N, C-alpha and C. Protein backbone atom coordinates (compact mmCIF):
# COMPACT_ATOMS: atom_id res chain seq x y z
N MET A 1 84.99 79.21 100.06
CA MET A 1 84.83 77.97 100.79
C MET A 1 84.94 76.82 99.79
N ARG A 2 85.77 75.88 100.08
CA ARG A 2 85.97 74.73 99.20
C ARG A 2 85.16 73.54 99.72
N ASN A 3 85.03 72.52 98.86
CA ASN A 3 84.30 71.30 99.22
C ASN A 3 82.86 71.60 99.61
N VAL A 4 82.21 72.40 98.79
CA VAL A 4 80.83 72.79 99.05
C VAL A 4 79.88 71.90 98.25
N VAL A 5 78.81 71.50 98.90
CA VAL A 5 77.74 70.76 98.25
C VAL A 5 76.50 71.65 98.28
N TRP A 6 75.95 71.93 97.10
CA TRP A 6 74.73 72.72 97.01
C TRP A 6 73.54 71.78 97.06
N ASP A 7 72.54 72.16 97.83
CA ASP A 7 71.32 71.37 97.93
C ASP A 7 70.15 72.30 97.65
N GLY A 8 69.19 71.85 96.86
CA GLY A 8 68.01 72.66 96.59
C GLY A 8 68.18 73.48 95.32
N GLN A 9 67.48 74.63 95.30
CA GLN A 9 67.49 75.47 94.11
C GLN A 9 68.92 75.83 93.73
N TYR A 10 69.14 76.05 92.48
CA TYR A 10 70.43 76.41 91.88
C TYR A 10 71.37 75.22 91.69
N ALA A 11 71.18 74.12 92.42
CA ALA A 11 72.16 73.03 92.39
C ALA A 11 72.41 72.56 90.95
N GLY A 12 71.35 72.26 90.22
CA GLY A 12 71.52 71.78 88.85
C GLY A 12 72.15 72.82 87.94
N THR A 13 71.72 74.06 88.10
CA THR A 13 72.26 75.15 87.27
C THR A 13 73.74 75.37 87.57
N ILE A 14 74.10 75.37 88.84
CA ILE A 14 75.50 75.56 89.22
C ILE A 14 76.36 74.43 88.68
N ILE A 15 75.87 73.20 88.75
CA ILE A 15 76.62 72.06 88.22
C ILE A 15 76.82 72.21 86.71
N GLN A 16 75.76 72.61 86.00
CA GLN A 16 75.87 72.81 84.55
C GLN A 16 76.88 73.92 84.23
N ASN A 17 76.79 75.03 84.96
CA ASN A 17 77.73 76.14 84.73
C ASN A 17 79.16 75.69 84.97
N HIS A 18 79.37 74.98 86.08
CA HIS A 18 80.71 74.51 86.43
C HIS A 18 81.24 73.56 85.36
N ASN A 19 80.40 72.62 84.94
CA ASN A 19 80.83 71.67 83.92
C ASN A 19 81.19 72.38 82.61
N GLN A 20 80.46 73.44 82.29
CA GLN A 20 80.75 74.19 81.07
C GLN A 20 82.10 74.90 81.17
N ILE A 21 82.40 75.49 82.33
CA ILE A 21 83.71 76.13 82.54
C ILE A 21 84.82 75.09 82.45
N VAL A 22 84.63 73.93 83.07
CA VAL A 22 85.63 72.86 83.00
C VAL A 22 85.86 72.45 81.54
N GLN A 23 84.78 72.28 80.80
CA GLN A 23 84.89 71.89 79.39
C GLN A 23 85.64 72.96 78.59
N LEU A 24 85.33 74.23 78.84
CA LEU A 24 86.02 75.31 78.13
C LEU A 24 87.49 75.36 78.51
N ASN A 25 87.79 75.14 79.79
CA ASN A 25 89.20 75.08 80.20
C ASN A 25 89.92 73.96 79.45
N ASN A 26 89.27 72.79 79.36
CA ASN A 26 89.88 71.67 78.64
C ASN A 26 90.13 72.01 77.17
N GLN A 27 89.25 72.82 76.61
CA GLN A 27 89.37 73.19 75.20
C GLN A 27 90.41 74.29 74.97
N PHE A 28 90.48 75.28 75.88
CA PHE A 28 91.29 76.47 75.60
C PHE A 28 92.60 76.59 76.37
N VAL A 29 92.68 76.08 77.59
CA VAL A 29 93.89 76.28 78.41
C VAL A 29 95.10 75.71 77.67
N GLY A 30 96.14 76.52 77.60
CA GLY A 30 97.36 76.15 76.90
C GLY A 30 97.42 76.70 75.48
N GLN A 31 96.25 77.02 74.90
CA GLN A 31 96.26 77.66 73.59
C GLN A 31 96.76 79.09 73.74
N ILE A 32 97.14 79.69 72.65
CA ILE A 32 97.69 81.04 72.67
C ILE A 32 96.59 82.06 72.40
N ASP A 33 96.52 83.05 73.27
CA ASP A 33 95.62 84.19 73.10
C ASP A 33 96.11 84.96 71.86
N PRO A 34 95.26 85.10 70.83
CA PRO A 34 95.72 85.75 69.60
C PRO A 34 95.94 87.26 69.75
N ILE A 35 95.45 87.83 70.83
CA ILE A 35 95.58 89.27 71.03
C ILE A 35 96.91 89.62 71.71
N ASN A 36 97.30 88.84 72.74
CA ASN A 36 98.53 89.20 73.48
C ASN A 36 99.60 88.10 73.44
N ASN A 37 99.35 87.04 72.70
CA ASN A 37 100.32 85.95 72.51
C ASN A 37 100.73 85.24 73.80
N GLN A 38 99.86 85.24 74.80
CA GLN A 38 100.11 84.52 76.05
C GLN A 38 99.19 83.29 76.08
N GLN A 39 99.56 82.29 76.87
CA GLN A 39 98.73 81.08 76.98
C GLN A 39 97.50 81.34 77.85
N TYR A 40 96.37 80.78 77.40
CA TYR A 40 95.17 80.82 78.23
C TYR A 40 95.40 80.02 79.51
N VAL A 41 94.70 80.40 80.57
CA VAL A 41 94.88 79.81 81.90
C VAL A 41 93.54 79.26 82.39
N PRO A 42 93.54 78.40 83.42
CA PRO A 42 92.28 77.86 83.94
C PRO A 42 91.43 78.95 84.61
N LEU A 43 90.18 79.03 84.21
CA LEU A 43 89.23 79.92 84.87
C LEU A 43 88.38 79.09 85.83
N GLN A 44 87.80 79.76 86.81
CA GLN A 44 86.99 79.11 87.85
C GLN A 44 85.67 79.84 88.00
N ASP A 45 84.59 79.09 88.05
CA ASP A 45 83.30 79.68 88.39
C ASP A 45 83.16 79.68 89.90
N PHE A 46 82.47 80.69 90.42
CA PHE A 46 82.21 80.77 91.86
C PHE A 46 80.96 81.61 92.06
N TYR A 47 80.39 81.50 93.25
CA TYR A 47 79.10 82.12 93.53
C TYR A 47 79.20 82.93 94.81
N VAL A 48 78.68 84.14 94.74
CA VAL A 48 78.73 85.06 95.87
C VAL A 48 77.32 85.18 96.43
N ILE A 49 77.21 85.04 97.73
CA ILE A 49 75.92 85.16 98.41
C ILE A 49 75.98 86.36 99.33
N LYS A 50 75.05 87.28 99.14
CA LYS A 50 74.99 88.46 100.01
C LYS A 50 74.24 88.08 101.28
N GLY A 51 74.86 88.34 102.41
CA GLY A 51 74.23 88.01 103.68
C GLY A 51 74.67 86.66 104.19
N GLN A 52 73.96 86.18 105.19
CA GLN A 52 74.32 84.92 105.82
C GLN A 52 73.42 83.79 105.35
N VAL A 53 74.01 82.63 105.23
CA VAL A 53 73.29 81.43 104.80
C VAL A 53 73.70 80.30 105.72
N PRO A 54 72.74 79.51 106.22
CA PRO A 54 73.11 78.37 107.05
C PRO A 54 73.94 77.36 106.26
N VAL A 55 75.03 76.92 106.86
CA VAL A 55 75.90 75.92 106.25
C VAL A 55 76.04 74.78 107.24
N GLU A 56 75.82 73.56 106.75
CA GLU A 56 75.95 72.38 107.60
C GLU A 56 77.24 71.65 107.23
N GLN A 57 78.01 71.30 108.23
CA GLN A 57 79.26 70.56 108.00
C GLN A 57 78.98 69.07 108.13
N VAL A 58 79.39 68.30 107.12
CA VAL A 58 79.23 66.85 107.16
C VAL A 58 80.56 66.20 106.77
N THR A 59 80.78 65.00 107.28
CA THR A 59 81.99 64.24 106.93
C THR A 59 81.56 62.94 106.28
N ILE A 60 82.10 62.68 105.10
CA ILE A 60 81.81 61.46 104.36
C ILE A 60 83.14 60.81 104.00
N ASN A 61 83.33 59.57 104.45
CA ASN A 61 84.57 58.85 104.18
C ASN A 61 85.80 59.66 104.58
N GLY A 62 85.70 60.35 105.71
CA GLY A 62 86.83 61.11 106.22
C GLY A 62 87.03 62.48 105.59
N GLN A 63 86.24 62.82 104.58
CA GLN A 63 86.34 64.12 103.90
C GLN A 63 85.25 65.04 104.42
N THR A 64 85.62 66.25 104.81
CA THR A 64 84.66 67.23 105.30
C THR A 64 84.08 68.02 104.14
N TYR A 65 82.76 68.15 104.14
CA TYR A 65 82.05 68.93 103.13
C TYR A 65 81.17 69.94 103.85
N TYR A 66 80.84 71.00 103.14
CA TYR A 66 79.94 72.02 103.66
C TYR A 66 78.71 72.05 102.76
N VAL A 67 77.55 71.79 103.35
CA VAL A 67 76.31 71.73 102.60
C VAL A 67 75.59 73.07 102.73
N ILE A 68 75.33 73.69 101.59
CA ILE A 68 74.57 74.94 101.56
C ILE A 68 73.15 74.59 101.12
N GLU A 69 72.20 74.88 101.97
CA GLU A 69 70.79 74.66 101.64
C GLU A 69 70.33 75.88 100.84
N ALA A 70 70.41 75.75 99.53
CA ALA A 70 70.16 76.89 98.65
C ALA A 70 68.72 77.37 98.68
N ASN A 71 67.79 76.54 99.15
CA ASN A 71 66.40 77.00 99.24
C ASN A 71 66.25 78.14 100.24
N ASN A 72 67.25 78.33 101.10
CA ASN A 72 67.21 79.42 102.08
C ASN A 72 67.84 80.70 101.56
N ILE A 73 68.28 80.72 100.31
CA ILE A 73 68.91 81.90 99.73
C ILE A 73 67.88 82.69 98.95
N ASN A 74 67.78 83.97 99.23
CA ASN A 74 66.93 84.86 98.46
C ASN A 74 67.52 84.95 97.05
N PRO A 75 66.75 84.69 96.00
CA PRO A 75 67.29 84.75 94.64
C PRO A 75 67.94 86.09 94.29
N ALA A 76 67.55 87.15 94.96
CA ALA A 76 68.16 88.46 94.71
C ALA A 76 69.57 88.55 95.27
N ASP A 77 69.94 87.61 96.14
CA ASP A 77 71.19 87.73 96.89
C ASP A 77 72.27 86.73 96.49
N ILE A 78 72.18 86.16 95.30
CA ILE A 78 73.22 85.23 94.84
C ILE A 78 73.56 85.57 93.39
N ALA A 79 74.85 85.53 93.09
CA ALA A 79 75.29 85.78 91.72
C ALA A 79 76.52 84.93 91.42
N GLY A 80 76.63 84.52 90.17
CA GLY A 80 77.76 83.72 89.73
C GLY A 80 78.75 84.54 88.92
N PHE A 81 80.02 84.20 89.07
CA PHE A 81 81.10 84.89 88.37
C PHE A 81 82.14 83.87 87.94
N TYR A 82 83.07 84.29 87.07
CA TYR A 82 84.21 83.44 86.72
C TYR A 82 85.43 84.33 86.46
N THR A 83 86.57 83.83 86.89
CA THR A 83 87.84 84.52 86.71
C THR A 83 88.97 83.49 86.79
N TYR A 84 90.19 83.95 86.73
CA TYR A 84 91.34 83.07 86.88
C TYR A 84 91.24 82.39 88.24
N GLN A 85 91.48 81.08 88.28
CA GLN A 85 91.26 80.33 89.52
C GLN A 85 92.12 80.84 90.67
N GLY A 86 93.26 81.42 90.41
CA GLY A 86 94.12 81.94 91.47
C GLY A 86 93.67 83.27 92.03
N TRP A 87 92.65 83.87 91.43
CA TRP A 87 92.19 85.20 91.86
C TRP A 87 90.84 85.20 92.57
N VAL A 88 90.23 84.04 92.77
CA VAL A 88 88.89 84.01 93.35
C VAL A 88 88.86 84.69 94.72
N SER A 89 89.80 84.35 95.60
CA SER A 89 89.79 84.96 96.94
C SER A 89 90.09 86.45 96.85
N ASP A 90 90.95 86.87 95.92
CA ASP A 90 91.22 88.30 95.73
C ASP A 90 89.97 89.03 95.24
N PHE A 91 89.21 88.37 94.37
CA PHE A 91 87.98 88.95 93.85
C PHE A 91 86.99 89.21 94.98
N VAL A 92 86.78 88.20 95.81
CA VAL A 92 85.83 88.34 96.93
C VAL A 92 86.31 89.41 97.90
N ALA A 93 87.61 89.44 98.19
CA ALA A 93 88.15 90.49 99.07
C ALA A 93 87.94 91.87 98.44
N ALA A 94 88.14 91.98 97.13
CA ALA A 94 87.96 93.26 96.45
C ALA A 94 86.51 93.73 96.51
N MET A 95 85.57 92.78 96.38
CA MET A 95 84.15 93.15 96.47
C MET A 95 83.84 93.80 97.82
N ASN A 96 84.57 93.40 98.84
CA ASN A 96 84.34 93.91 100.19
C ASN A 96 85.27 95.06 100.56
N THR A 97 86.01 95.58 99.60
CA THR A 97 86.91 96.70 99.83
C THR A 97 86.21 98.00 99.45
N PRO A 98 86.04 98.92 100.41
CA PRO A 98 85.41 100.21 100.07
C PRO A 98 86.17 100.91 98.94
N GLY A 99 85.41 101.46 98.01
CA GLY A 99 86.01 102.17 96.89
C GLY A 99 86.20 101.32 95.65
N THR A 100 86.02 100.01 95.77
CA THR A 100 86.11 99.13 94.60
C THR A 100 84.82 99.25 93.80
N TYR A 101 84.96 99.27 92.48
CA TYR A 101 83.76 99.29 91.64
C TYR A 101 83.96 98.38 90.43
N ALA A 102 82.86 97.99 89.83
CA ALA A 102 82.90 97.14 88.64
C ALA A 102 82.76 98.00 87.40
N ALA A 103 83.40 97.56 86.32
CA ALA A 103 83.34 98.28 85.06
C ALA A 103 83.42 97.27 83.91
N GLY A 104 82.93 97.70 82.77
CA GLY A 104 83.04 96.90 81.56
C GLY A 104 84.21 97.37 80.72
N LEU A 105 84.81 96.45 79.99
CA LEU A 105 85.88 96.81 79.07
C LEU A 105 85.29 97.03 77.69
N PRO A 106 85.57 98.18 77.06
CA PRO A 106 85.12 98.36 75.68
C PRO A 106 85.76 97.31 74.78
N GLY A 107 85.13 97.00 73.68
CA GLY A 107 85.64 95.97 72.78
C GLY A 107 87.04 96.23 72.27
N ASN A 108 87.45 97.48 72.21
CA ASN A 108 88.79 97.83 71.74
C ASN A 108 89.73 98.19 72.88
N SER A 109 89.43 97.74 74.08
CA SER A 109 90.23 98.09 75.25
C SER A 109 91.68 97.63 75.09
N PRO A 110 92.64 98.50 75.42
CA PRO A 110 94.04 98.07 75.39
C PRO A 110 94.36 97.01 76.43
N VAL A 111 93.50 96.83 77.43
CA VAL A 111 93.73 95.81 78.45
C VAL A 111 93.87 94.43 77.79
N PHE A 112 93.08 94.17 76.75
CA PHE A 112 93.14 92.88 76.08
C PHE A 112 94.52 92.61 75.48
N GLN A 113 95.27 93.66 75.20
CA GLN A 113 96.60 93.52 74.58
C GLN A 113 97.73 93.42 75.60
N TRP A 114 97.43 93.65 76.87
CA TRP A 114 98.48 93.57 77.89
C TRP A 114 99.09 92.18 77.85
N GLU A 115 100.40 92.12 77.80
CA GLU A 115 101.10 90.84 77.71
C GLU A 115 101.40 90.29 79.09
N ASN A 116 100.32 90.12 79.86
CA ASN A 116 100.44 89.56 81.21
C ASN A 116 99.16 88.80 81.52
N LEU A 117 99.09 88.25 82.72
CA LEU A 117 97.94 87.45 83.12
C LEU A 117 96.64 88.26 83.10
N THR A 118 96.72 89.52 83.48
CA THR A 118 95.53 90.38 83.48
C THR A 118 94.95 90.50 82.08
N GLY A 119 95.80 90.77 81.09
CA GLY A 119 95.33 90.89 79.71
C GLY A 119 94.76 89.58 79.19
N THR A 120 95.42 88.49 79.52
CA THR A 120 94.96 87.17 79.07
C THR A 120 93.59 86.84 79.65
N VAL A 121 93.44 87.00 80.96
CA VAL A 121 92.16 86.65 81.60
C VAL A 121 91.05 87.58 81.10
N ALA A 122 91.36 88.85 80.92
CA ALA A 122 90.35 89.78 80.41
C ALA A 122 89.80 89.29 79.08
N TYR A 123 90.68 88.92 78.16
CA TYR A 123 90.23 88.46 76.85
C TYR A 123 89.59 87.08 76.93
N GLN A 124 90.14 86.21 77.75
CA GLN A 124 89.62 84.84 77.86
C GLN A 124 88.18 84.83 78.37
N THR A 125 87.83 85.76 79.26
CA THR A 125 86.44 85.82 79.73
C THR A 125 85.49 86.13 78.58
N VAL A 126 85.97 86.90 77.61
CA VAL A 126 85.16 87.21 76.42
C VAL A 126 85.10 85.99 75.49
N VAL A 127 86.21 85.28 75.36
CA VAL A 127 86.25 84.08 74.51
C VAL A 127 85.21 83.06 74.98
N TYR A 128 85.00 82.94 76.29
CA TYR A 128 84.07 81.95 76.84
C TYR A 128 82.60 82.36 76.65
N GLN A 129 82.33 83.63 76.37
CA GLN A 129 80.95 84.14 76.30
C GLN A 129 79.99 83.31 75.44
N PRO A 130 80.33 82.99 74.21
CA PRO A 130 79.33 82.33 73.36
C PRO A 130 79.01 80.89 73.75
N TYR A 131 79.74 80.34 74.70
CA TYR A 131 79.60 78.93 75.04
C TYR A 131 78.71 78.66 76.25
N GLY A 132 78.12 79.67 76.81
CA GLY A 132 77.27 79.46 77.98
C GLY A 132 76.62 80.76 78.39
N PRO A 133 76.02 80.77 79.56
CA PRO A 133 75.36 81.98 80.05
C PRO A 133 76.39 82.94 80.65
N PHE A 134 77.42 83.27 79.86
CA PHE A 134 78.56 84.01 80.37
C PHE A 134 78.64 85.40 79.74
N ASP A 135 79.01 86.37 80.55
CA ASP A 135 79.18 87.76 80.09
C ASP A 135 80.56 88.21 80.54
N GLY A 136 81.54 88.15 79.65
CA GLY A 136 82.92 88.48 80.01
C GLY A 136 83.26 89.93 79.75
N GLY A 137 84.55 90.23 79.92
CA GLY A 137 85.02 91.58 79.67
C GLY A 137 84.69 92.57 80.76
N LEU A 138 84.59 92.07 81.99
CA LEU A 138 84.31 92.94 83.14
C LEU A 138 85.57 93.01 84.01
N VAL A 139 85.69 94.08 84.78
CA VAL A 139 86.82 94.21 85.71
C VAL A 139 86.34 94.82 87.01
N LEU A 140 86.93 94.37 88.10
CA LEU A 140 86.82 95.08 89.37
C LEU A 140 87.98 96.05 89.41
N VAL A 141 87.70 97.30 89.74
CA VAL A 141 88.73 98.33 89.84
C VAL A 141 88.88 98.67 91.31
N LEU A 142 90.04 98.36 91.86
CA LEU A 142 90.31 98.63 93.27
C LEU A 142 90.74 100.08 93.46
N PRO A 143 90.66 100.58 94.69
CA PRO A 143 91.05 101.98 94.94
C PRO A 143 92.47 102.31 94.49
N ASN A 144 93.38 101.33 94.51
CA ASN A 144 94.76 101.58 94.07
C ASN A 144 94.92 101.43 92.56
N LYS A 145 93.79 101.29 91.84
CA LYS A 145 93.71 101.17 90.38
C LYS A 145 94.09 99.79 89.84
N THR A 146 94.40 98.83 90.73
CA THR A 146 94.58 97.44 90.30
C THR A 146 93.25 96.96 89.73
N ILE A 147 93.30 96.14 88.70
CA ILE A 147 92.06 95.57 88.16
C ILE A 147 92.11 94.05 88.23
N ILE A 148 90.93 93.46 88.41
CA ILE A 148 90.76 92.01 88.38
C ILE A 148 89.72 91.71 87.31
N PRO A 149 90.15 91.15 86.18
CA PRO A 149 89.19 90.80 85.13
C PRO A 149 88.32 89.61 85.55
N TYR A 150 87.07 89.63 85.09
CA TYR A 150 86.14 88.54 85.41
C TYR A 150 84.99 88.55 84.43
N GLY A 151 84.15 87.56 84.56
CA GLY A 151 82.90 87.50 83.83
C GLY A 151 81.77 87.20 84.79
N ALA A 152 80.56 87.55 84.38
CA ALA A 152 79.37 87.26 85.17
C ALA A 152 78.64 86.07 84.54
N ILE A 153 77.99 85.29 85.39
CA ILE A 153 77.20 84.16 84.92
C ILE A 153 75.74 84.60 84.93
N ASP A 154 75.17 84.69 83.74
CA ASP A 154 73.88 85.34 83.56
C ASP A 154 72.69 84.59 84.14
N ASN A 155 72.77 83.27 84.30
CA ASN A 155 71.59 82.55 84.76
C ASN A 155 71.50 82.46 86.29
N ILE A 156 72.48 83.01 86.99
CA ILE A 156 72.39 83.18 88.45
C ILE A 156 72.91 84.59 88.72
N ALA A 157 72.00 85.55 88.67
CA ALA A 157 72.39 86.95 88.72
C ALA A 157 71.42 87.73 89.59
N GLY A 158 71.58 87.63 90.90
CA GLY A 158 70.70 88.32 91.83
C GLY A 158 70.79 89.83 91.72
N VAL A 159 69.64 90.47 91.80
CA VAL A 159 69.59 91.92 91.58
C VAL A 159 70.37 92.71 92.63
N SER A 160 70.54 92.17 93.83
CA SER A 160 71.29 92.93 94.84
C SER A 160 72.78 92.97 94.50
N LEU A 161 73.21 92.16 93.52
CA LEU A 161 74.60 92.15 93.08
C LEU A 161 74.74 92.64 91.64
N ASN A 162 73.70 93.33 91.13
CA ASN A 162 73.70 93.81 89.75
C ASN A 162 74.87 94.73 89.42
N SER A 163 75.36 95.47 90.40
CA SER A 163 76.46 96.40 90.10
C SER A 163 77.71 95.64 89.65
N TYR A 164 77.78 94.33 89.96
CA TYR A 164 78.92 93.52 89.52
C TYR A 164 78.61 92.76 88.23
N GLY A 165 77.37 92.41 88.02
CA GLY A 165 76.99 91.66 86.83
C GLY A 165 76.67 92.53 85.64
N MET A 166 76.21 93.74 85.91
CA MET A 166 75.88 94.70 84.85
C MET A 166 76.39 96.08 85.25
N PRO A 167 77.72 96.27 85.24
CA PRO A 167 78.26 97.54 85.73
C PRO A 167 77.86 98.73 84.86
N ASN A 168 77.75 99.89 85.51
CA ASN A 168 77.38 101.12 84.83
C ASN A 168 78.59 101.89 84.32
N HIS A 169 79.79 101.46 84.68
CA HIS A 169 81.02 102.16 84.29
C HIS A 169 81.72 101.43 83.15
N SER A 170 82.48 102.17 82.38
CA SER A 170 83.37 101.61 81.38
C SER A 170 84.79 101.89 81.84
N TYR A 171 85.66 100.88 81.76
CA TYR A 171 87.02 101.04 82.27
C TYR A 171 87.92 101.69 81.22
N ASN A 172 88.60 102.74 81.64
CA ASN A 172 89.58 103.43 80.81
C ASN A 172 90.94 103.19 81.43
N SER A 173 91.79 102.43 80.77
CA SER A 173 93.07 102.03 81.37
C SER A 173 94.05 103.18 81.54
N SER A 174 93.74 104.35 81.01
CA SER A 174 94.66 105.48 81.16
C SER A 174 94.36 106.30 82.40
N ILE A 175 93.29 105.94 83.13
CA ILE A 175 92.93 106.71 84.33
C ILE A 175 93.85 106.34 85.46
């Protein structure tokens, strides 16, 4: 959902996280990934809420916004992630695909060397780690073995979504 306004708990934290991702994008996008020699791309932070949350639609100066009253969200049911901005909807769809699981990439994973967008994003999520509450080097593995690299945002990490923020599997690209 685009044009979202957060109200209540998490609002300040989400704004800080978002601003940090924007700042990192400004710093790194266009630079060359030293592992696969591809250019870094814009990453996007986003938040997944398990279950239903009331959303109010408001229009300000002709622009429609959706207000999420975050005080109504159980802290166990919200988690933050970051990935390539063009993959956010694919990520959410993958989370809801039976048979999809999350895994971590070992530090020496050949995925980081892939000379494509997947390899670049996988490594870039790790590059962003020291600059915020970020944990990169994670992948969603779909039933068809497609992977979507991403990172978890550690300061908004609801336990009901722990399998995505702290996966129990390690990804082996030869499987």
